[in-house]
C-alpha atoms as a PDB file:
ATOM      1  CA  MET A   1       0.000   0.000   0.000  1.00  0.00           C
ATOM      2  CA  GLU A   2       1.419   3.360  -1.035  1.00  0.00           C
ATOM      3  CA  ALA A   3       1.921   5.749   1.904  1.00  0.00           C
ATOM      4  CA  THR A   4       0.080   8.783   0.539  1.00  0.00           C
ATOM      5  CA  ILE A   5      -2.913  10.958   1.243  1.00  0.00           C
ATOM      6  CA  GLU A   6      -4.526  12.224  -1.960  1.00  0.00           C
ATOM      7  CA  VAL A   7      -6.976  15.109  -1.747  1.00  0.00           C
ATOM      8  CA  ASN A   8      -8.492  15.844  -5.138  1.00  0.00           C
ATOM      9  CA  GLY A   9     -11.003  18.596  -5.902  1.00  0.00           C
ATOM     10  CA  LEU A  10     -12.889  18.548  -2.602  1.00  0.00           C
ATOM     11  CA  HIS A  11     -15.980  20.756  -2.405  1.00  0.00           C
ATOM     12  CA  LYS A  12     -18.094  21.012   0.717  1.00  0.00           C
ATOM     13  CA  ARG A  13     -20.820  23.348   1.940  1.00  0.00           C
ATOM     14  CA  PHE A  14     -22.384  23.594   5.366  1.00  0.00           C
ATOM     15  CA  GLY A  15     -25.621  25.402   4.520  1.00  0.00           C
ATOM     16  CA  PRO A  16     -24.650  28.732   2.943  1.00  0.00           C
ATOM     17  CA  THR A  17     -21.024  28.406   4.066  1.00  0.00           C
ATOM     18  CA  ARG A  18     -18.492  27.097   1.554  1.00  0.00           C
ATOM     19  CA  ALA A  19     -15.964  25.143   3.619  1.00  0.00           C
ATOM     20  CA  LEU A  20     -14.011  23.554   0.750  1.00  0.00           C
ATOM     21  CA  ASP A  21     -13.663  24.995  -2.719  1.00  0.00           C
ATOM     22  CA  GLY A  22     -11.633  22.563  -4.824  1.00  0.00           C
ATOM     23  CA  MET A  23      -9.097  21.534  -2.154  1.00  0.00           C
ATOM     24  CA  THR A  24      -6.339  19.547  -3.882  1.00  0.00           C
ATOM     25  CA  PHE A  25      -2.949  18.311  -2.653  1.00  0.00           C
ATOM     26  CA  THR A  26      -0.961  15.122  -2.011  1.00  0.00           C
ATOM     27  CA  VAL A  27       0.955  14.109   1.114  1.00  0.00           C
ATOM     28  CA  THR A  28       3.935  11.944   0.192  1.00  0.00           C
ATOM     29  CA  PRO A  29       6.106   9.617   2.299  1.00  0.00           C
ATOM     30  CA  GLY A  30       9.441  10.539   3.826  1.00  0.00           C
ATOM     31  CA  THR A  31       8.669  14.077   4.979  1.00  0.00           C
ATOM     32  CA  VAL A  32       6.603  15.998   7.494  1.00  0.00           C
ATOM     33  CA  THR A  33       4.029  18.085   5.621  1.00  0.00           C
ATOM     34  CA  GLY A  34       2.676  21.114   7.459  1.00  0.00           C
ATOM     35  CA  PHE A  35      -0.981  21.940   6.798  1.00  0.00           C
ATOM     36  CA  VAL A  36      -1.624  25.593   7.635  1.00  0.00           C
ATOM     37  CA  GLY A  37      -4.129  28.350   7.084  1.00  0.00           C
ATOM     38  CA  PRO A  38      -6.278  30.882   8.948  1.00  0.00           C
ATOM     39  CA  ASN A  39      -9.260  29.853  11.046  1.00  0.00           C
ATOM     40  CA  GLY A  40     -12.050  28.773   8.703  1.00  0.00           C
ATOM     41  CA  ALA A  41      -9.643  27.908   5.873  1.00  0.00           C
ATOM     42  CA  GLY A  42     -10.883  24.313   5.648  1.00  0.00           C
ATOM     43  CA  LYS A  43      -8.107  22.375   7.407  1.00  0.00           C
ATOM     44  CA  SER A  44     -10.252  20.444   9.896  1.00  0.00           C
ATOM     45  CA  THR A  45     -12.960  19.773   7.304  1.00  0.00           C
ATOM     46  CA  THR A  46     -10.348  18.365   4.930  1.00  0.00           C
ATOM     47  CA  MET A  47      -8.952  16.070   7.607  1.00  0.00           C
ATOM     48  CA  ARG A  48     -12.436  14.884   8.526  1.00  0.00           C
ATOM     49  CA  ALA A  49     -13.136  14.222   4.832  1.00  0.00           C
ATOM     50  CA  VAL A  50      -9.970  12.087   4.577  1.00  0.00           C
ATOM     51  CA  LEU A  51     -11.308   9.938   7.447  1.00  0.00           C
ATOM     52  CA  GLY A  52     -14.817   9.774   5.997  1.00  0.00           C
ATOM     53  CA  LEU A  53     -16.275  11.746   8.922  1.00  0.00           C
ATOM     54  CA  ASP A  54     -17.589  14.498   6.619  1.00  0.00           C
ATOM     55  CA  ALA A  55     -19.172  13.572   3.284  1.00  0.00           C
ATOM     56  CA  VAL A  56     -18.042  15.939   0.542  1.00  0.00           C
ATOM     57  CA  ASP A  57     -20.263  17.360  -2.193  1.00  0.00           C
ATOM     58  CA  GLU A  58     -17.652  16.750  -4.874  1.00  0.00           C
ATOM     59  CA  GLY A  59     -14.149  15.298  -5.208  1.00  0.00           C
ATOM     60  CA  ARG A  60     -12.447  12.472  -3.367  1.00  0.00           C
ATOM     61  CA  ALA A  61      -9.922  11.825  -0.603  1.00  0.00           C
ATOM     62  CA  LEU A  62      -7.841   8.635  -0.692  1.00  0.00           C
ATOM     63  CA  VAL A  63      -5.609   6.941   1.863  1.00  0.00           C
ATOM     64  CA  GLY A  64      -2.991   4.824   0.128  1.00  0.00           C
ATOM     65  CA  GLY A  65      -5.105   4.947  -3.024  1.00  0.00           C
ATOM     66  CA  LYS A  66      -8.324   3.826  -1.299  1.00  0.00           C
ATOM     67  CA  PRO A  67     -11.262   5.559   0.403  1.00  0.00           C
ATOM     68  CA  TYR A  68     -10.945   5.343   4.188  1.00  0.00           C
ATOM     69  CA  ALA A  69     -14.298   3.555   4.480  1.00  0.00           C
ATOM     70  CA  SER A  70     -12.966   0.639   2.416  1.00  0.00           C
ATOM     71  CA  LEU A  71      -9.977   0.011   4.683  1.00  0.00           C
ATOM     72  CA  ARG A  72     -10.045  -3.112   6.843  1.00  0.00           C
ATOM     73  CA  ARG A  73      -8.474  -2.399  10.225  1.00  0.00           C
ATOM     74  CA  PRO A  74      -7.801   1.234   9.291  1.00  0.00           C
ATOM     75  CA  LEU A  75      -5.303   1.878  12.136  1.00  0.00           C
ATOM     76  CA  ASN A  76      -2.886  -0.327  10.168  1.00  0.00           C
ATOM     77  CA  HIS A  77      -3.106   2.157   7.298  1.00  0.00           C
ATOM     78  CA  ILE A  78      -3.477   5.625   8.853  1.00  0.00           C
ATOM     79  CA  GLY A  79      -3.192   6.907  12.399  1.00  0.00           C
ATOM     80  CA  SER A  80      -4.936  10.161  13.224  1.00  0.00           C
ATOM     81  CA  LEU A  81      -5.385  12.642  16.054  1.00  0.00           C
ATOM     82  CA  LEU A  82      -8.153  15.175  15.455  1.00  0.00           C
ATOM     83  CA  ASP A  83      -9.335  15.801  19.012  1.00  0.00           C
ATOM     84  CA  ALA A  84      -7.196  15.027  22.058  1.00  0.00           C
ATOM     85  CA  ALA A  85     -10.313  15.129  24.264  1.00  0.00           C
ATOM     86  CA  ALA A  86     -12.027  12.273  22.387  1.00  0.00           C
ATOM     87  CA  LEU A  87     -11.670   9.652  25.106  1.00  0.00           C
ATOM     88  CA  HIS A  88     -13.666   8.178  27.983  1.00  0.00           C
ATOM     89  CA  PRO A  89     -12.696  10.266  31.020  1.00  0.00           C
ATOM     90  CA  THR A  90     -13.146   7.527  33.616  1.00  0.00           C
ATOM     91  CA  ARG A  91     -11.147   4.898  31.741  1.00  0.00           C
ATOM     92  CA  SER A  92      -7.411   4.614  32.432  1.00  0.00           C
ATOM     93  CA  ALA A  93      -5.103   5.742  29.666  1.00  0.00           C
ATOM     94  CA  ARG A  94      -3.881   2.167  29.255  1.00  0.00           C
ATOM     95  CA  GLY A  95      -7.479   0.909  29.176  1.00  0.00           C
ATOM     96  CA  HIS A  96      -8.239   3.460  26.441  1.00  0.00           C
ATOM     97  CA  LEU A  97      -5.347   2.180  24.331  1.00  0.00           C
ATOM     98  CA  LEU A  98      -6.178  -1.477  24.990  1.00  0.00           C
ATOM     99  CA  TRP A  99      -9.758  -0.909  23.858  1.00  0.00           C
ATOM    100  CA  LEU A 100      -8.545   0.656  20.592  1.00  0.00           C
ATOM    101  CA  ALA A 101      -5.922  -2.056  20.094  1.00  0.00           C
ATOM    102  CA  HIS A 102      -8.417  -4.887  20.554  1.00  0.00           C
ATOM    103  CA  SER A 103     -10.733  -3.290  17.983  1.00  0.00           C
ATOM    104  CA  GLN A 104      -7.929  -3.668  15.434  1.00  0.00           C
ATOM    105  CA  GLY A 105      -6.766  -7.152  16.423  1.00  0.00           C
ATOM    106  CA  LEU A 106      -3.708  -5.820  18.265  1.00  0.00           C
ATOM    107  CA  GLY A 107      -2.429  -7.021  21.625  1.00  0.00           C
ATOM    108  CA  ALA A 108      -1.177  -5.531  24.877  1.00  0.00           C
ATOM    109  CA  LYS A 109       2.460  -5.750  23.749  1.00  0.00           C
ATOM    110  CA  ARG A 110       1.831  -3.120  21.052  1.00  0.00           C
ATOM    111  CA  VAL A 111       0.117  -0.898  23.620  1.00  0.00           C
ATOM    112  CA  ASP A 112       3.183  -1.065  25.844  1.00  0.00           C
ATOM    113  CA  GLU A 113       5.426  -0.170  22.879  1.00  0.00           C
ATOM    114  CA  VAL A 114       3.543   3.015  21.969  1.00  0.00           C
ATOM    115  CA  VAL A 115       3.234   3.986  25.644  1.00  0.00           C
ATOM    116  CA  ALA A 116       7.024   3.855  25.953  1.00  0.00           C
ATOM    117  CA  ALA A 117       7.546   5.703  22.646  1.00  0.00           C
ATOM    118  CA  CYS A 118       5.317   8.575  23.773  1.00  0.00           C
ATOM    119  CA  GLY A 119       6.700   8.888  27.302  1.00  0.00           C
ATOM    120  CA  LEU A 120       3.455   7.889  29.032  1.00  0.00           C
ATOM    121  CA  GLU A 121       4.723   5.094  31.302  1.00  0.00           C
ATOM    122  CA  PRO A 122       4.677   7.030  34.625  1.00  0.00           C
ATOM    123  CA  ALA A 123       0.997   8.000  34.232  1.00  0.00           C
ATOM    124  CA  ILE A 124      -0.433   5.243  32.047  1.00  0.00           C
ATOM    125  CA  ARG A 125      -2.697   3.742  34.754  1.00  0.00           C
ATOM    126  CA  ARG A 126      -4.221   7.070  35.740  1.00  0.00           C
ATOM    127  CA  ARG A 127      -7.696   8.054  34.533  1.00  0.00           C
ATOM    128  CA  ALA A 128      -7.417   9.711  31.144  1.00  0.00           C
ATOM    129  CA  GLY A 129      -9.936  12.368  32.185  1.00  0.00           C
ATOM    130  CA  GLY A 130      -7.410  13.723  34.683  1.00  0.00           C
ATOM    131  CA  TYR A 131      -4.698  14.225  32.082  1.00  0.00           C
ATOM    132  CA  SER A 132      -3.488  17.703  31.148  1.00  0.00           C
ATOM    133  CA  LEU A 133      -3.910  18.781  27.517  1.00  0.00           C
ATOM    134  CA  GLY A 134      -0.247  17.994  26.835  1.00  0.00           C
ATOM    135  CA  MET A 135      -0.608  14.477  28.254  1.00  0.00           C
ATOM    136  CA  ARG A 136      -3.801  13.938  26.246  1.00  0.00           C
ATOM    137  CA  GLN A 137      -1.863  14.936  23.131  1.00  0.00           C
ATOM    138  CA  ARG A 138       0.746  12.282  23.891  1.00  0.00           C
ATOM    139  CA  LEU A 139      -2.016   9.740  24.509  1.00  0.00           C
ATOM    140  CA  GLY A 140      -3.661  10.654  21.190  1.00  0.00           C
ATOM    141  CA  ILE A 141      -0.362  10.243  19.339  1.00  0.00           C
ATOM    142  CA  ALA A 142       0.156   6.867  21.021  1.00  0.00           C
ATOM    143  CA  ALA A 143      -3.303   5.813  19.826  1.00  0.00           C
ATOM    144  CA  ALA A 144      -2.480   6.955  16.283  1.00  0.00           C
ATOM    145  CA  LEU A 145       0.643   4.784  16.310  1.00  0.00           C
ATOM    146  CA  LEU A 146      -1.038   1.578  17.503  1.00  0.00           C
ATOM    147  CA  GLY A 147      -1.284  -0.024  14.070  1.00  0.00           C
ATOM    148  CA  ASP A 148       2.270   1.058  13.089  1.00  0.00           C
ATOM    149  CA  PRO A 149       0.680   2.877  10.128  1.00  0.00           C
ATOM    150  CA  PRO A 150       2.597   4.216   7.123  1.00  0.00           C
ATOM    151  CA  ILE A 151       0.512   7.428   7.285  1.00  0.00           C
ATOM    152  CA  LEU A 152      -0.087   9.805  10.206  1.00  0.00           C
ATOM    153  CA  MET A 153      -2.439  12.792  10.305  1.00  0.00           C
ATOM    154  CA  LEU A 154      -2.359  15.058  13.369  1.00  0.00           C
ATOM    155  CA  ASP A 155      -4.424  18.185  14.032  1.00  0.00           C
ATOM    156  CA  GLU A 156      -2.670  20.763  16.258  1.00  0.00           C
ATOM    157  CA  PRO A 157      -0.477  18.239  18.115  1.00  0.00           C
ATOM    158  CA  PHE A 158       1.749  20.977  19.622  1.00  0.00           C
ATOM    159  CA  ASN A 159      -1.116  22.502  21.637  1.00  0.00           C
ATOM    160  CA  GLY A 160      -0.713  22.153  25.390  1.00  0.00           C
ATOM    161  CA  LEU A 161       2.788  20.676  25.286  1.00  0.00           C
ATOM    162  CA  ASP A 162       5.407  22.093  27.634  1.00  0.00           C
ATOM    163  CA  PRO A 163       8.888  23.025  26.293  1.00  0.00           C
ATOM    164  CA  GLU A 164      10.198  19.494  26.863  1.00  0.00           C
ATOM    165  CA  GLY A 165       7.163  18.118  25.033  1.00  0.00           C
ATOM    166  CA  ILE A 166       7.693  20.505  22.105  1.00  0.00           C
ATOM    167  CA  VAL A 167      11.301  19.368  21.732  1.00  0.00           C
ATOM    168  CA  TRP A 168      10.186  15.734  21.935  1.00  0.00           C
ATOM    169  CA  ILE A 169       7.463  15.970  19.307  1.00  0.00           C
ATOM    170  CA  ARG A 170       9.656  17.872  16.843  1.00  0.00           C
ATOM    171  CA  GLY A 171      12.227  15.094  16.833  1.00  0.00           C
ATOM    172  CA  PHE A 172       9.593  12.358  17.019  1.00  0.00           C
ATOM    173  CA  LEU A 173       7.717  13.563  13.934  1.00  0.00           C
ATOM    174  CA  ARG A 174      10.928  13.976  11.946  1.00  0.00           C
ATOM    175  CA  ALA A 175      12.006  10.466  12.959  1.00  0.00           C
ATOM    176  CA  LEU A 176       8.660   8.990  11.856  1.00  0.00           C
ATOM    177  CA  ALA A 177       8.992  10.670   8.458  1.00  0.00           C
ATOM    178  CA  ALA A 178      12.598   9.472   8.168  1.00  0.00           C
ATOM    179  CA  GLU A 179      11.258   5.913   8.461  1.00  0.00           C
ATOM    180  CA  GLY A 180       9.370   6.518   5.197  1.00  0.00           C
ATOM    181  CA  ARG A 181       5.993   7.487   6.617  1.00  0.00           C
ATOM    182  CA  ALA A 182       3.750  10.233   5.241  1.00  0.00           C
ATOM    183  CA  VAL A 183       3.115  12.693   8.090  1.00  0.00           C
ATOM    184  CA  LEU A 184       0.527  15.491   7.805  1.00  0.00           C
ATOM    185  CA  VAL A 185       0.499  18.012  10.667  1.00  0.00           C
ATOM    186  CA  SER A 186      -1.920  20.902  11.041  1.00  0.00           C
ATOM    187  CA  SER A 187      -0.729  23.748  13.273  1.00  0.00           C
ATOM    188  CA  HIS A 188      -1.002  27.483  13.883  1.00  0.00           C
ATOM    189  CA  LEU A 189       2.507  27.519  15.407  1.00  0.00           C
ATOM    190  CA  MET A 190       4.709  28.503  12.473  1.00  0.00           C
ATOM    191  CA  SER A 191       7.870  28.499  14.593  1.00  0.00           C
ATOM    192  CA  GLU A 192       7.340  24.834  15.421  1.00  0.00           C
ATOM    193  CA  LEU A 193       6.609  23.838  11.822  1.00  0.00           C
ATOM    194  CA  GLN A 194       9.688  25.727  10.610  1.00  0.00           C
ATOM    195  CA  ASP A 195      11.802  23.388  12.737  1.00  0.00           C
ATOM    196  CA  THR A 196       9.761  20.256  11.943  1.00  0.00           C
ATOM    197  CA  ALA A 197       8.223  20.256   8.461  1.00  0.00           C
ATOM    198  CA  GLY A 198       9.999  19.846   5.156  1.00  0.00           C
ATOM    199  CA  HIS A 199       6.955  20.633   3.031  1.00  0.00           C
ATOM    200  CA  LEU A 200       4.019  22.999   3.474  1.00  0.00           C
ATOM    201  CA  VAL A 201       0.464  23.126   2.151  1.00  0.00           C
ATOM    202  CA  VAL A 202      -0.985  26.579   2.793  1.00  0.00           C
ATOM    203  CA  VAL A 203      -4.753  26.940   2.450  1.00  0.00           C
ATOM    204  CA  GLY A 204      -7.246  29.781   2.557  1.00  0.00           C
ATOM    205  CA  ARG A 205     -10.979  30.022   1.920  1.00  0.00           C
ATOM    206  CA  GLY A 206     -11.238  26.305   1.180  1.00  0.00           C
ATOM    207  CA  ARG A 207      -8.506  25.955  -1.420  1.00  0.00           C
ATOM    208  CA  VAL A 208      -4.727  25.611  -1.670  1.00  0.00           C
ATOM    209  CA  VAL A 209      -2.756  28.876  -1.724  1.00  0.00           C
ATOM    210  CA  ALA A 210       0.716  27.306  -1.849  1.00  0.00           C
ATOM    211  CA  ASP A 211       2.102  23.756  -2.046  1.00  0.00           C
ATOM    212  CA  THR A 212       5.885  23.907  -1.733  1.00  0.00           C
ATOM    213  CA  SER A 213       8.895  23.094   0.404  1.00  0.00           C
ATOM    214  CA  VAL A 214       9.483  25.151   3.536  1.00  0.00           C
ATOM    215  CA  ALA A 215      12.912  26.175   2.215  1.00  0.00           C
ATOM    216  CA  GLU A 216      11.482  27.449  -1.090  1.00  0.00           C
ATOM    217  CA  LEU A 217       8.703  29.342   0.657  1.00  0.00           C
ATOM    218  CA  ILE A 218      11.113  31.115   3.000  1.00  0.00           C
ATOM    219  CA  SER A 219      13.497  31.852   0.129  1.00  0.00           C
ATOM    220  CA  ALA A 220      10.717  33.449  -1.939  1.00  0.00           C
ATOM    221  CA  ALA A 221       9.591  35.566   1.025  1.00  0.00           C
ATOM    222  CA  SER A 222      13.178  36.651   1.700  1.00  0.00           C
ATOM    223  CA  SER A 223      13.914  37.628  -1.911  1.00  0.00           C
ATOM    224  CA  GLY A 224      14.847  41.255  -2.535  1.00  0.00           C
ATOM    225  CA  ARG A 225      14.900  42.396   1.088  1.00  0.00           C
ATOM    226  CA  VAL A 226      17.821  43.824   3.038  1.00  0.00           C
ATOM    227  CA  GLU A 227      18.188  44.245   6.777  1.00  0.00           C
ATOM    228  CA  LEU A 228      20.330  46.907   8.431  1.00  0.00           C
ATOM    229  CA  HIS A 229      21.018  48.546  11.783  1.00  0.00           C
ATOM    230  CA  THR A 230      21.198  52.322  12.125  1.00  0.00           C
ATOM    231  CA  THR A 231      21.128  54.867  14.955  1.00  0.00           C
ATOM    232  CA  ALA A 232      19.620  57.450  12.583  1.00  0.00           C
ATOM    233  CA  ARG A 233      16.403  55.606  11.789  1.00  0.00           C
ATOM    234  CA  SER A 234      14.249  58.491  10.516  1.00  0.00           C
ATOM    235  CA  GLU A 235      16.987  59.979   8.333  1.00  0.00           C
ATOM    236  CA  ALA A 236      17.866  56.555   6.929  1.00  0.00           C
ATOM    237  CA  MET A 237      14.234  55.831   6.109  1.00  0.00           C
ATOM    238  CA  THR A 238      13.962  59.115   4.222  1.00  0.00           C
ATOM    239  CA  ALA A 239      17.177  58.541   2.285  1.00  0.00           C
ATOM    240  CA  LEU A 240      16.210  55.002   1.300  1.00  0.00           C
ATOM    241  CA  ALA A 241      12.680  56.024   0.319  1.00  0.00           C
ATOM    242  CA  ASN A 242      14.116  58.776  -1.904  1.00  0.00           C
ATOM    243  CA  ALA A 243      16.268  56.101  -3.544  1.00  0.00           C
ATOM    244  CA  GLY A 244      13.135  54.124  -4.431  1.00  0.00           C
ATOM    245  CA  ALA A 245      12.995  51.613  -1.575  1.00  0.00           C
ATOM    246  CA  THR A 246      10.119  50.479   0.603  1.00  0.00           C
ATOM    247  CA  VAL A 247      11.229  50.566   4.225  1.00  0.00           C
ATOM    248  CA  ALA A 248       9.740  48.895   7.296  1.00  0.00           C
ATOM    249  CA  VAL A 249      10.791  49.286  10.925  1.00  0.00           C
ATOM    250  CA  THR A 250      11.699  45.915  12.457  1.00  0.00           C
ATOM    251  CA  SER A 251      12.900  47.198  15.840  1.00  0.00           C
ATOM    252  CA  ALA A 252      14.191  50.424  17.441  1.00  0.00           C
ATOM    253  CA  ASP A 253      17.384  50.408  15.360  1.00  0.00           C
ATOM    254  CA  THR A 254      16.645  47.839  12.639  1.00  0.00           C
ATOM    255  CA  LEU A 255      15.108  48.445   9.211  1.00  0.00           C
ATOM    256  CA  THR A 256      14.000  46.019   6.516  1.00  0.00           C
ATOM    257  CA  VAL A 257      14.386  47.396   2.997  1.00  0.00           C
ATOM    258  CA  ALA A 258      12.700  46.162  -0.189  1.00  0.00           C
ATOM    259  CA  GLY A 259      13.486  47.299  -3.707  1.00  0.00           C
ATOM    260  CA  LEU A 260      17.246  47.893  -3.371  1.00  0.00           C
ATOM    261  CA  ALA A 261      20.222  45.521  -3.402  1.00  0.00           C
ATOM    262  CA  PRO A 262      22.588  45.618  -0.406  1.00  0.00           C
ATOM    263  CA  GLU A 263      25.190  47.671  -2.303  1.00  0.00           C
ATOM    264  CA  GLN A 264      22.502  50.201  -3.298  1.00  0.00           C
ATOM    265  CA  VAL A 265      21.400  50.532   0.317  1.00  0.00           C
ATOM    266  CA  ILE A 266      24.998  51.192   1.366  1.00  0.00           C
ATOM    267  CA  ALA A 267      25.444  53.791  -1.391  1.00  0.00           C
ATOM    268  CA  ALA A 268      22.209  55.644  -0.491  1.00  0.00           C
ATOM    269  CA  LEU A 269      23.169  55.903   3.178  1.00  0.00           C
ATOM    270  CA  SER A 270      26.804  56.776   2.453  1.00  0.00           C
ATOM    271  CA  ARG A 271      25.796  59.729   0.239  1.00  0.00           C
ATOM    272  CA  ARG A 272      24.055  61.225   3.279  1.00  0.00           C
ATOM    273  CA  ASN A 273      26.869  60.243   5.678  1.00  0.00           C
ATOM    274  CA  LEU A 274      24.371  58.289   7.785  1.00  0.00           C
ATOM    275  CA  PRO A 275      25.620  55.718  10.312  1.00  0.00           C
ATOM    276  CA  PHE A 276      24.746  52.066   9.661  1.00  0.00           C
ATOM    277  CA  SER A 277      25.987  48.556  10.339  1.00  0.00           C
ATOM    278  CA  HIS A 278      25.145  44.920   9.640  1.00  0.00           C
ATOM    279  CA  VAL A 279      23.744  45.336   6.127  1.00  0.00           C
ATOM    280  CA  SER A 280      22.679  41.866   4.985  1.00  0.00           C
ATOM    281  CA  SER A 281      20.117  40.037   2.905  1.00  0.00           C
ATOM    282  CA  HIS A 282      17.022  39.442   5.038  1.00  0.00           C
ATOM    283  CA  ARG A 283      15.994  35.842   5.751  1.00  0.00           C
ATOM    284  CA  ALA A 284      12.259  35.710   6.362  1.00  0.00           C
ATOM    285  CA  THR A 285      10.739  33.464   8.989  1.00  0.00           C
ATOM    286  CA  LEU A 286       8.075  30.932   8.086  1.00  0.00           C
ATOM    287  CA  GLU A 287       5.600  33.091   9.978  1.00  0.00           C
ATOM    288  CA  GLU A 288       6.407  36.099   7.766  1.00  0.00           C
ATOM    289  CA  ALA A 289       6.043  34.010   4.618  1.00  0.00           C
ATOM    290  CA  TYR A 290       2.760  32.563   5.879  1.00  0.00           C
ATOM    291  CA  MET A 291       1.313  35.981   6.781  1.00  0.00           C
ATOM    292  CA  GLU A 292       2.165  37.314   3.325  1.00  0.00           C
ATOM    293  CA  LEU A 293       0.514  34.363   1.584  1.00  0.00           C
ATOM    294  CA  THR A 294      -2.687  34.377   3.641  1.00  0.00           C
ATOM    295  CA  ARG A 295      -3.325  38.104   4.157  1.00  0.00           C
ATOM    296  CA  ASP A 296      -6.241  38.004   1.693  1.00  0.00           C
ATOM    297  CA  ALA A 297      -7.627  34.711   3.057  1.00  0.00           C
ATOM    298  CA  VAL A 298      -8.397  35.778   6.632  1.00  0.00           C
ATOM    299  CA  GLU A 299     -12.112  35.536   7.410  1.00  0.00           C
ATOM    300  CA  TYR A 300     -12.009  37.774  10.484  1.00  0.00           C
ATOM    301  CA  ARG A 301      -9.624  40.566  11.298  1.00  0.00           C
ATOM    302  CA  ALA A 302      -9.329  42.450  14.565  1.00  0.00           C
ATOM    303  CA  ALA A 303     -10.501  46.062  14.463  1.00  0.00           C
ATOM    304  CA  PRO A 304      -7.997  48.797  15.484  1.00  0.00           C
ATOM    305  CA  ALA A 305      -7.605  49.107  19.230  1.00  0.00           C
ATOM    306  CA  ASP A 306      -9.991  51.555  20.914  1.00  0.00           C
ATOM    307  CA  LEU A 307      -7.795  54.067  22.758  1.00  0.00           C
ATOM    308  CA  SER A 308     -10.559  54.597  25.328  1.00  0.00           C
ATOM    309  CA  GLY A 309      -9.677  51.143  26.664  1.00  0.00           C
ATOM    310  CA  ASP A 310     -12.735  49.270  25.368  1.00  0.00           C
ATOM    311  CA  ARG A 311     -12.056  45.856  23.876  1.00  0.00           C
ATOM    312  CA  ALA A 312     -11.971  46.029  20.078  1.00  0.00           C
ATOM    313  CA  ALA A 313     -14.630  43.968  18.322  1.00  0.00           C
ATOM    314  CA  GLU A 314     -13.824  41.657  15.475  1.00  0.00           C
ATOM    315  CA  GLU A 315     -15.446  42.586  12.185  1.00  0.00           C
ATOM    316  CA  PRO A 316     -15.756  40.345   9.136  1.00  0.00           C
ATOM    317  CA  THR A 317     -13.367  41.182   6.321  1.00  0.00           C
ATOM    318  CA  ARG A 318     -15.235  41.506   3.046  1.00  0.00           C
END
């Protein structure tokens, strides 16, 4: 069975709301694929469609070339975590995993293996309902791994993890992909995906905005921008603007310049005898690249802050 998730032309409406509008992408083995987009972009609906939990109006989603509903013992094909709270609160964490394992013809030995892999051994006999969110995330990942599947699909697995847990899951996901698995991870935490994912599918308003490697996306967002330090910020901004650049303030003494090469920036400041240092090509973060790609796909945007102290309302962006 090929370790892929194929999403092809998915359309889905919930009443008047268009949740998916031709969503199309493929998750391939051997890499962690980040699945990102603003709230309401269609990420959760797509994942539910892959698992057959939401029927689509048009298109198809395949797991290893087959619809999920046709899979016998599906945990052997794809492991998923969509909701870390989806467990019986009075059942022990080990009992929860044993129940899932028995449903797939798996034994207690496999339960013990995933418990150890996810660092759950000290608390495995406690009631799952008493777990913190971070511990429930680990339990959900353990459940997804029960069938040793070639495909994993995780929705916001970083949520609730402490710093040690974040470090663990970064390395764990990369190691799973290095074994040849296809790993799809939805997250709003761009900093974590930058250190974890090799590929990125960016979505907005129910369709794919970008489908590319993380390195290529950051490179494209970094292109043509220069970063510099100066103690004469206002004068430097004026000089660079007069030379045809677009200038943004990054911090108290740091500017980001678009539209001029580094040597042109140096020449424009030198003509005015303005102090500067550390002129270099700017390397964008994944968060910057993401914000640029999705700025027109945000469903709701915060209104400007009310200086009287009242909490700003959120207004729909038309």
